[in-house]
């Protein structure tokens, strides 16, 4: 949530995502897409669109353990630069 607060205009959307994700029992990406149909896999990360198409939430999901790690929250422009991949 701290990352969302830095942007200011997406706190509610990130909080809503977190509320859903913290209750989910995802076992694979197809289960994730049943909840968030636009979730994309990029390498070992899952990327969610936040606040329409304004932000990207990048997470690592350990399906077997049921753990979701939030890695980064980026604006669409920051995400498109691709520097987060390294």
PDB file of N, CA and C in Angstrom:
ATOM      1  N   UNK A   1       0.815  -1.195   0.000  1.00  0.00           N
ATOM      2  CA  UNK A   1       0.000   0.000   0.000  1.00  0.00           C
ATOM      3  C   UNK A   1       0.858   1.259   0.000  1.00  0.00           C
ATOM      4  N   UNK A   2       2.054   1.146   0.540  1.00  0.00           N
ATOM      5  CA  UNK A   2       2.952   2.296   0.578  1.00  0.00           C
ATOM      6  C   UNK A   2       3.275   2.784  -0.821  1.00  0.00           C
ATOM      7  N   UNK A   3       3.505   1.839  -1.746  1.00  0.00           N
ATOM      8  CA  UNK A   3       3.788   2.231  -3.121  1.00  0.00           C
ATOM      9  C   UNK A   3       2.609   2.974  -3.725  1.00  0.00           C
ATOM     10  N   UNK A   4       1.403   2.526  -3.448  1.00  0.00           N
ATOM     11  CA  UNK A   4       0.213   3.190  -3.977  1.00  0.00           C
ATOM     12  C   UNK A   4       0.076   4.592  -3.410  1.00  0.00           C
ATOM     13  N   UNK A   5       0.390   4.754  -2.138  1.00  0.00           N
ATOM     14  CA  UNK A   5       0.293   6.070  -1.504  1.00  0.00           C
ATOM     15  C   UNK A   5       1.234   7.067  -2.169  1.00  0.00           C
ATOM     16  N   UNK A   6       2.353   6.583  -2.682  1.00  0.00           N
ATOM     17  CA  UNK A   6       3.306   7.465  -3.357  1.00  0.00           C
ATOM     18  C   UNK A   6       2.694   8.084  -4.616  1.00  0.00           C
ATOM     19  N   UNK A   7       1.800   7.351  -5.273  1.00  0.00           N
ATOM     20  CA  UNK A   7       1.123   7.877  -6.458  1.00  0.00           C
ATOM     21  C   UNK A   7      -0.138   8.641  -6.093  1.00  0.00           C
ATOM     22  N   UNK A   8      -0.803   8.219  -5.038  1.00  0.00           N
ATOM     23  CA  UNK A   8      -1.956   8.946  -4.523  1.00  0.00           C
ATOM     24  C   UNK A   8      -3.292   8.630  -5.150  1.00  0.00           C
ATOM     25  N   UNK A   9      -3.337   8.455  -6.456  1.00  0.00           N
ATOM     26  CA  UNK A   9      -4.630   8.300  -7.115  1.00  0.00           C
ATOM     27  C   UNK A   9      -5.041   6.850  -7.364  1.00  0.00           C
ATOM     28  N   UNK A  10      -4.287   5.889  -6.810  1.00  0.00           N
ATOM     29  CA  UNK A  10      -4.648   4.486  -7.043  1.00  0.00           C
ATOM     30  C   UNK A  10      -4.712   3.682  -5.745  1.00  0.00           C
ATOM     31  N   UNK A  11      -4.738   4.367  -4.617  1.00  0.00           N
ATOM     32  CA  UNK A  11      -4.741   3.682  -3.322  1.00  0.00           C
ATOM     33  C   UNK A  11      -5.953   2.759  -3.194  1.00  0.00           C
ATOM     34  N   UNK A  12      -7.122   3.243  -3.543  1.00  0.00           N
ATOM     35  CA  UNK A  12      -8.333   2.431  -3.423  1.00  0.00           C
ATOM     36  C   UNK A  12      -8.259   1.205  -4.329  1.00  0.00           C
ATOM     37  N   UNK A  13      -7.805   1.373  -5.550  1.00  0.00           N
ATOM     38  CA  UNK A  13      -7.742   0.258  -6.492  1.00  0.00           C
ATOM     39  C   UNK A  13      -6.747  -0.803  -6.032  1.00  0.00           C
ATOM     40  N   UNK A  14      -5.613  -0.382  -5.496  1.00  0.00           N
ATOM     41  CA  UNK A  14      -4.638  -1.346  -4.987  1.00  0.00           C
ATOM     42  C   UNK A  14      -5.191  -2.035  -3.741  1.00  0.00           C
ATOM     43  N   UNK A  15      -5.848  -1.288  -2.896  1.00  0.00           N
ATOM     44  CA  UNK A  15      -6.458  -1.882  -1.695  1.00  0.00           C
ATOM     45  C   UNK A  15      -7.530  -2.896  -2.082  1.00  0.00           C
ATOM     46  N   UNK A  16      -8.325  -2.585  -3.090  1.00  0.00           N
ATOM     47  CA  UNK A  16      -9.339  -3.524  -3.570  1.00  0.00           C
ATOM     48  C   UNK A  16      -8.680  -4.793  -4.114  1.00  0.00           C
ATOM     49  N   UNK A  17      -7.623  -4.630  -4.919  1.00  0.00           N
ATOM     50  CA  UNK A  17      -6.894  -5.783  -5.450  1.00  0.00           C
ATOM     51  C   UNK A  17      -6.356  -6.627  -4.295  1.00  0.00           C
ATOM     52  N   UNK A  18      -5.747  -5.976  -3.319  1.00  0.00           N
ATOM     53  CA  UNK A  18      -5.161  -6.679  -2.173  1.00  0.00           C
ATOM     54  C   UNK A  18      -6.222  -7.451  -1.391  1.00  0.00           C
ATOM     55  N   UNK A  19      -7.368  -6.856  -1.212  1.00  0.00           N
ATOM     56  CA  UNK A  19      -8.448  -7.519  -0.492  1.00  0.00           C
ATOM     57  C   UNK A  19      -8.850  -8.813  -1.191  1.00  0.00           C
ATOM     58  N   UNK A  20      -8.976  -8.761  -2.500  1.00  0.00           N
ATOM     59  CA  UNK A  20      -9.342  -9.950  -3.281  1.00  0.00           C
ATOM     60  C   UNK A  20      -8.206 -10.966  -3.261  1.00  0.00           C
ATOM     61  N   UNK A  21      -6.974 -10.514  -3.528  1.00  0.00           N
ATOM     62  CA  UNK A  21      -5.829 -11.427  -3.611  1.00  0.00           C
ATOM     63  C   UNK A  21      -5.536 -12.103  -2.277  1.00  0.00           C
ATOM     64  N   UNK A  22      -5.711 -11.397  -1.186  1.00  0.00           N
ATOM     65  CA  UNK A  22      -5.392 -11.983   0.126  1.00  0.00           C
ATOM     66  C   UNK A  22      -6.372 -13.087   0.519  1.00  0.00           C
ATOM     67  N   UNK A  23      -7.547 -13.105  -0.101  1.00  0.00           N
ATOM     68  CA  UNK A  23      -8.540 -14.143   0.187  1.00  0.00           C
ATOM     69  C   UNK A  23      -8.528 -15.272  -0.849  1.00  0.00           C
ATOM     70  N   UNK A  24      -7.793 -15.069  -1.928  1.00  0.00           N
ATOM     71  CA  UNK A  24      -7.797 -16.029  -3.031  1.00  0.00           C
ATOM     72  C   UNK A  24      -6.991 -17.278  -2.700  1.00  0.00           C
ATOM     73  N   UNK A  25      -7.348 -18.358  -3.343  1.00  0.00           N
ATOM     74  CA  UNK A  25      -6.593 -19.610  -3.232  1.00  0.00           C
ATOM     75  C   UNK A  25      -6.165 -20.039  -4.632  1.00  0.00           C
ATOM     76  N   UNK A  26      -5.425 -19.168  -5.289  1.00  0.00           N
ATOM     77  CA  UNK A  26      -4.980 -19.434  -6.648  1.00  0.00           C
ATOM     78  C   UNK A  26      -3.968 -20.564  -6.657  1.00  0.00           C
ATOM     79  N   UNK A  27      -4.145 -21.508  -7.573  1.00  0.00           N
ATOM     80  CA  UNK A  27      -3.211 -22.630  -7.727  1.00  0.00           C
ATOM     81  C   UNK A  27      -2.476 -22.585  -9.056  1.00  0.00           C
ATOM     82  N   UNK A  28      -2.917 -21.696  -9.948  1.00  0.00           N
ATOM     83  CA  UNK A  28      -2.254 -21.529 -11.242  1.00  0.00           C
ATOM     84  C   UNK A  28      -2.773 -20.247 -11.889  1.00  0.00           C
ATOM     85  N   UNK A  29      -2.158 -19.884 -13.002  1.00  0.00           N
ATOM     86  CA  UNK A  29      -2.513 -18.611 -13.639  1.00  0.00           C
ATOM     87  C   UNK A  29      -3.937 -18.630 -14.197  1.00  0.00           C
ATOM     88  N   UNK A  30      -4.432 -19.782 -14.599  1.00  0.00           N
ATOM     89  CA  UNK A  30      -5.813 -19.800 -15.104  1.00  0.00           C
ATOM     90  C   UNK A  30      -6.800 -19.460 -13.993  1.00  0.00           C
ATOM     91  N   UNK A  31      -6.499 -19.842 -12.761  1.00  0.00           N
ATOM     92  CA  UNK A  31      -7.353 -19.463 -11.622  1.00  0.00           C
ATOM     93  C   UNK A  31      -7.251 -17.960 -11.360  1.00  0.00           C
ATOM     94  N   UNK A  32      -6.052 -17.408 -11.509  1.00  0.00           N
ATOM     95  CA  UNK A  32      -5.876 -15.960 -11.356  1.00  0.00           C
ATOM     96  C   UNK A  32      -6.737 -15.243 -12.389  1.00  0.00           C
ATOM     97  N   UNK A  33      -6.707 -15.735 -13.624  1.00  0.00           N
ATOM     98  CA  UNK A  33      -7.459 -15.082 -14.712  1.00  0.00           C
ATOM     99  C   UNK A  33      -8.965 -15.237 -14.559  1.00  0.00           C
ATOM    100  N   UNK A  34      -9.417 -16.151 -13.758  1.00  0.00           N
ATOM    101  CA  UNK A  34     -10.850 -16.227 -13.480  1.00  0.00           C
ATOM    102  C   UNK A  34     -11.289 -15.023 -12.642  1.00  0.00           C
ATOM    103  N   UNK A  35     -10.346 -14.498 -11.856  1.00  0.00           N
ATOM    104  CA  UNK A  35     -10.621 -13.330 -11.028  1.00  0.00           C
ATOM    105  C   UNK A  35     -10.215 -12.042 -11.728  1.00  0.00           C
ATOM    106  N   UNK A  36      -9.032 -12.043 -12.318  1.00  0.00           N
ATOM    107  CA  UNK A  36      -8.485 -10.871 -13.015  1.00  0.00           C
ATOM    108  C   UNK A  36      -8.141 -11.304 -14.437  1.00  0.00           C
ATOM    109  N   UNK A  37      -9.080 -11.134 -15.345  1.00  0.00           N
ATOM    110  CA  UNK A  37      -8.923 -11.706 -16.682  1.00  0.00           C
ATOM    111  C   UNK A  37      -7.765 -11.127 -17.493  1.00  0.00           C
ATOM    112  N   UNK A  38      -7.268  -9.954 -17.116  1.00  0.00           N
ATOM    113  CA  UNK A  38      -6.171  -9.351 -17.865  1.00  0.00           C
ATOM    114  C   UNK A  38      -4.812  -9.573 -17.212  1.00  0.00           C
ATOM    115  N   UNK A  39      -4.729 -10.480 -16.270  1.00  0.00           N
ATOM    116  CA  UNK A  39      -3.441 -10.782 -15.648  1.00  0.00           C
ATOM    117  C   UNK A  39      -2.521 -11.407 -16.699  1.00  0.00           C
ATOM    118  N   UNK A  40      -1.276 -10.939 -16.731  1.00  0.00           N
ATOM    119  CA  UNK A  40      -0.303 -11.448 -17.698  1.00  0.00           C
ATOM    120  C   UNK A  40       0.890 -12.036 -16.969  1.00  0.00           C
ATOM    121  N   UNK A  41       1.458 -13.074 -17.550  1.00  0.00           N
ATOM    122  CA  UNK A  41       2.676 -13.667 -17.027  1.00  0.00           C
ATOM    123  C   UNK A  41       3.846 -13.077 -17.797  1.00  0.00           C
ATOM    124  N   UNK A  42       4.821 -12.547 -17.078  1.00  0.00           N
ATOM    125  CA  UNK A  42       6.043 -12.026 -17.674  1.00  0.00           C
ATOM    126  C   UNK A  42       7.188 -12.625 -16.865  1.00  0.00           C
ATOM    127  N   UNK A  43       7.870 -13.592 -17.466  1.00  0.00           N
ATOM    128  CA  UNK A  43       8.908 -14.309 -16.727  1.00  0.00           C
ATOM    129  C   UNK A  43       8.273 -15.057 -15.572  1.00  0.00           C
ATOM    130  N   UNK A  44       8.797 -14.839 -14.371  1.00  0.00           N
ATOM    131  CA  UNK A  44       8.227 -15.497 -13.189  1.00  0.00           C
ATOM    132  C   UNK A  44       7.286 -14.582 -12.414  1.00  0.00           C
ATOM    133  N   UNK A  45       6.875 -13.494 -13.034  1.00  0.00           N
ATOM    134  CA  UNK A  45       5.992 -12.521 -12.382  1.00  0.00           C
ATOM    135  C   UNK A  45       4.605 -12.537 -13.029  1.00  0.00           C
ATOM    136  N   UNK A  46       3.631 -12.076 -12.285  1.00  0.00           N
ATOM    137  CA  UNK A  46       2.286 -11.861 -12.812  1.00  0.00           C
ATOM    138  C   UNK A  46       2.031 -10.367 -12.752  1.00  0.00           C
ATOM    139  N   UNK A  47       1.510  -9.821 -13.834  1.00  0.00           N
ATOM    140  CA  UNK A  47       1.290  -8.386 -13.947  1.00  0.00           C
ATOM    141  C   UNK A  47      -0.211  -8.128 -14.039  1.00  0.00           C
ATOM    142  N   UNK A  48      -0.682  -7.238 -13.170  1.00  0.00           N
ATOM    143  CA  UNK A  48      -2.089  -6.856 -13.122  1.00  0.00           C
ATOM    144  C   UNK A  48      -2.224  -5.403 -13.533  1.00  0.00           C
ATOM    145  N   UNK A  49      -3.284  -5.095 -14.282  1.00  0.00           N
ATOM    146  CA  UNK A  49      -3.572  -3.695 -14.583  1.00  0.00           C
ATOM    147  C   UNK A  49      -4.386  -3.129 -13.422  1.00  0.00           C
ATOM    148  N   UNK A  50      -4.042  -1.932 -13.026  1.00  0.00           N
ATOM    149  CA  UNK A  50      -4.687  -1.248 -11.901  1.00  0.00           C
ATOM    150  C   UNK A  50      -5.210   0.095 -12.391  1.00  0.00           C
ATOM    151  N   UNK A  51      -6.372   0.451 -11.923  1.00  0.00           N
ATOM    152  CA  UNK A  51      -7.013   1.740 -12.248  1.00  0.00           C
ATOM    153  C   UNK A  51      -7.144   1.914 -13.760  1.00  0.00           C
ATOM    154  N   UNK A  52      -7.944   1.026 -14.306  1.00  0.00           N
ATOM    155  CA  UNK A  52      -8.113   1.044 -15.759  1.00  0.00           C
ATOM    156  C   UNK A  52      -6.864   0.512 -16.403  1.00  0.00           C
ATOM    157  N   UNK A  53      -6.110   1.369 -16.989  1.00  0.00           N
ATOM    158  CA  UNK A  53      -4.854   0.976 -17.625  1.00  0.00           C
ATOM    159  C   UNK A  53      -3.724   1.896 -17.185  1.00  0.00           C
ATOM    160  N   UNK A  54      -3.933   2.616 -16.074  1.00  0.00           N
ATOM    161  CA  UNK A  54      -2.964   3.619 -15.632  1.00  0.00           C
ATOM    162  C   UNK A  54      -1.740   3.034 -14.938  1.00  0.00           C
ATOM    163  N   UNK A  55      -1.903   1.908 -14.241  1.00  0.00           N
ATOM    164  CA  UNK A  55      -0.822   1.335 -13.435  1.00  0.00           C
ATOM    165  C   UNK A  55      -0.675  -0.149 -13.694  1.00  0.00           C
ATOM    166  N   UNK A  56       0.520  -0.653 -13.390  1.00  0.00           N
ATOM    167  CA  UNK A  56       0.797  -2.081 -13.446  1.00  0.00           C
ATOM    168  C   UNK A  56       1.294  -2.517 -12.064  1.00  0.00           C
ATOM    169  N   UNK A  57       0.664  -3.546 -11.525  1.00  0.00           N
ATOM    170  CA  UNK A  57       1.074  -4.137 -10.263  1.00  0.00           C
ATOM    171  C   UNK A  57       1.798  -5.433 -10.605  1.00  0.00           C
ATOM    172  N   UNK A  58       3.059  -5.509 -10.227  1.00  0.00           N
ATOM    173  CA  UNK A  58       3.892  -6.660 -10.560  1.00  0.00           C
ATOM    174  C   UNK A  58       4.069  -7.487  -9.294  1.00  0.00           C
ATOM    175  N   UNK A  59       3.680  -8.753  -9.371  1.00  0.00           N
ATOM    176  CA  UNK A  59       3.739  -9.620  -8.202  1.00  0.00           C
ATOM    177  C   UNK A  59       4.398 -10.945  -8.560  1.00  0.00           C
ATOM    178  N   UNK A  60       4.863 -11.624  -7.537  1.00  0.00           N
ATOM    179  CA  UNK A  60       5.371 -12.988  -7.675  1.00  0.00           C
ATOM    180  C   UNK A  60       4.441 -13.870  -6.860  1.00  0.00           C
ATOM    181  N   UNK A  61       3.894 -14.884  -7.496  1.00  0.00           N
ATOM    182  CA  UNK A  61       2.960 -15.775  -6.818  1.00  0.00           C
ATOM    183  C   UNK A  61       3.614 -17.141  -6.627  1.00  0.00           C
ATOM    184  N   UNK A  62       3.672 -17.576  -5.397  1.00  0.00           N
ATOM    185  CA  UNK A  62       4.134 -18.935  -5.089  1.00  0.00           C
ATOM    186  C   UNK A  62       2.876 -19.773  -4.877  1.00  0.00           C
ATOM    187  N   UNK A  63       2.438 -20.391  -5.947  1.00  0.00           N
ATOM    188  CA  UNK A  63       1.155 -21.094  -5.944  1.00  0.00           C
ATOM    189  C   UNK A  63       1.087 -22.204  -4.897  1.00  0.00           C
ATOM    190  N   UNK A  64       2.115 -23.026  -4.809  1.00  0.00           N
ATOM    191  CA  UNK A  64       2.087 -24.159  -3.878  1.00  0.00           C
ATOM    192  C   UNK A  64       1.950 -23.697  -2.432  1.00  0.00           C
ATOM    193  N   UNK A  65       2.567 -22.569  -2.108  1.00  0.00           N
ATOM    194  CA  UNK A  65       2.527 -22.052  -0.738  1.00  0.00           C
ATOM    195  C   UNK A  65       1.350 -21.091  -0.516  1.00  0.00           C
ATOM    196  N   UNK A  66       0.733 -20.643  -1.594  1.00  0.00           N
ATOM    197  CA  UNK A  66      -0.379 -19.698  -1.469  1.00  0.00           C
ATOM    198  C   UNK A  66       0.065 -18.312  -1.041  1.00  0.00           C
ATOM    199  N   UNK A  67       1.263 -17.918  -1.483  1.00  0.00           N
ATOM    200  CA  UNK A  67       1.828 -16.625  -1.087  1.00  0.00           C
ATOM    201  C   UNK A  67       1.956 -15.720  -2.309  1.00  0.00           C
ATOM    202  N   UNK A  68       1.567 -14.462  -2.134  1.00  0.00           N
ATOM    203  CA  UNK A  68       1.689 -13.454  -3.186  1.00  0.00           C
ATOM    204  C   UNK A  68       2.598 -12.346  -2.674  1.00  0.00           C
ATOM    205  N   UNK A  69       3.678 -12.092  -3.395  1.00  0.00           N
ATOM    206  CA  UNK A  69       4.616 -11.032  -3.052  1.00  0.00           C
ATOM    207  C   UNK A  69       4.431  -9.866  -4.006  1.00  0.00           C
ATOM    208  N   UNK A  70       4.135  -8.699  -3.493  1.00  0.00           N
ATOM    209  CA  UNK A  70       4.056  -7.506  -4.333  1.00  0.00           C
ATOM    210  C   UNK A  70       5.473  -7.016  -4.564  1.00  0.00           C
ATOM    211  N   UNK A  71       5.855  -6.946  -5.829  1.00  0.00           N
ATOM    212  CA  UNK A  71       7.209  -6.516  -6.181  1.00  0.00           C
ATOM    213  C   UNK A  71       7.268  -5.026  -6.497  1.00  0.00           C
ATOM    214  N   UNK A  72       6.376  -4.563  -7.388  1.00  0.00           N
ATOM    215  CA  UNK A  72       6.406  -3.157  -7.785  1.00  0.00           C
ATOM    216  C   UNK A  72       5.028  -2.696  -8.234  1.00  0.00           C
ATOM    217  N   UNK A  73       4.802  -1.426  -8.079  1.00  0.00           N
ATOM    218  CA  UNK A  73       3.655  -0.746  -8.660  1.00  0.00           C
ATOM    219  C   UNK A  73       4.231   0.360  -9.528  1.00  0.00           C
ATOM    220  N   UNK A  74       3.898   0.327 -10.813  1.00  0.00           N
ATOM    221  CA  UNK A  74       4.462   1.279 -11.762  1.00  0.00           C
ATOM    222  C   UNK A  74       3.354   1.941 -12.570  1.00  0.00           C
ATOM    223  N   UNK A  75       3.613   3.163 -13.004  1.00  0.00           N
ATOM    224  CA  UNK A  75       2.705   3.765 -13.970  1.00  0.00           C
ATOM    225  C   UNK A  75       2.857   2.987 -15.275  1.00  0.00           C
ATOM    226  N   UNK A  76       1.898   3.152 -16.157  1.00  0.00           N
ATOM    227  CA  UNK A  76       1.977   2.477 -17.449  1.00  0.00           C
ATOM    228  C   UNK A  76       3.271   2.868 -18.165  1.00  0.00           C
ATOM    229  N   UNK A  77       3.619   4.144 -18.123  1.00  0.00           N
ATOM    230  CA  UNK A  77       4.836   4.626 -18.797  1.00  0.00           C
ATOM    231  C   UNK A  77       6.097   4.004 -18.178  1.00  0.00           C
ATOM    232  N   UNK A  78       6.151   3.916 -16.856  1.00  0.00           N
ATOM    233  CA  UNK A  78       7.305   3.286 -16.191  1.00  0.00           C
ATOM    234  C   UNK A  78       7.404   1.809 -16.566  1.00  0.00           C
ATOM    235  N   UNK A  79       6.281   1.144 -16.596  1.00  0.00           N
ATOM    236  CA  UNK A  79       6.241  -0.272 -16.958  1.00  0.00           C
ATOM    237  C   UNK A  79       6.761  -0.484 -18.372  1.00  0.00           C
ATOM    238  N   UNK A  80       6.312   0.363 -19.289  1.00  0.00           N
ATOM    239  CA  UNK A  80       6.704   0.218 -20.688  1.00  0.00           C
ATOM    240  C   UNK A  80       8.203   0.374 -20.918  1.00  0.00           C
ATOM    241  N   UNK A  81       8.902   1.062 -20.040  1.00  0.00           N
ATOM    242  CA  UNK A  81      10.360   1.209 -20.178  1.00  0.00           C
ATOM    243  C   UNK A  81      11.050  -0.140 -20.014  1.00  0.00           C
ATOM    244  N   UNK A  82      10.440  -1.057 -19.271  1.00  0.00           N
ATOM    245  CA  UNK A  82      10.961  -2.416 -19.146  1.00  0.00           C
ATOM    246  C   UNK A  82      12.113  -2.596 -18.187  1.00  0.00           C
ATOM    247  N   UNK A  83      12.545  -1.558 -17.507  1.00  0.00           N
ATOM    248  CA  UNK A  83      13.691  -1.688 -16.610  1.00  0.00           C
ATOM    249  C   UNK A  83      13.370  -2.557 -15.387  1.00  0.00           C
ATOM    250  N   UNK A  84      12.108  -2.761 -15.090  1.00  0.00           N
ATOM    251  CA  UNK A  84      11.700  -3.572 -13.945  1.00  0.00           C
ATOM    252  C   UNK A  84      12.008  -5.051 -14.166  1.00  0.00           C
ATOM    253  N   UNK A  85      12.220  -5.455 -15.401  1.00  0.00           N
ATOM    254  CA  UNK A  85      12.448  -6.860 -15.716  1.00  0.00           C
ATOM    255  C   UNK A  85      13.813  -7.353 -15.269  1.00  0.00           C
ATOM    256  N   UNK A  86      14.746  -6.452 -15.082  1.00  0.00           N
ATOM    257  CA  UNK A  86      16.106  -6.886 -14.720  1.00  0.00           C
ATOM    258  C   UNK A  86      16.331  -6.956 -13.227  1.00  0.00           C
TER     259      UNK A  86
END
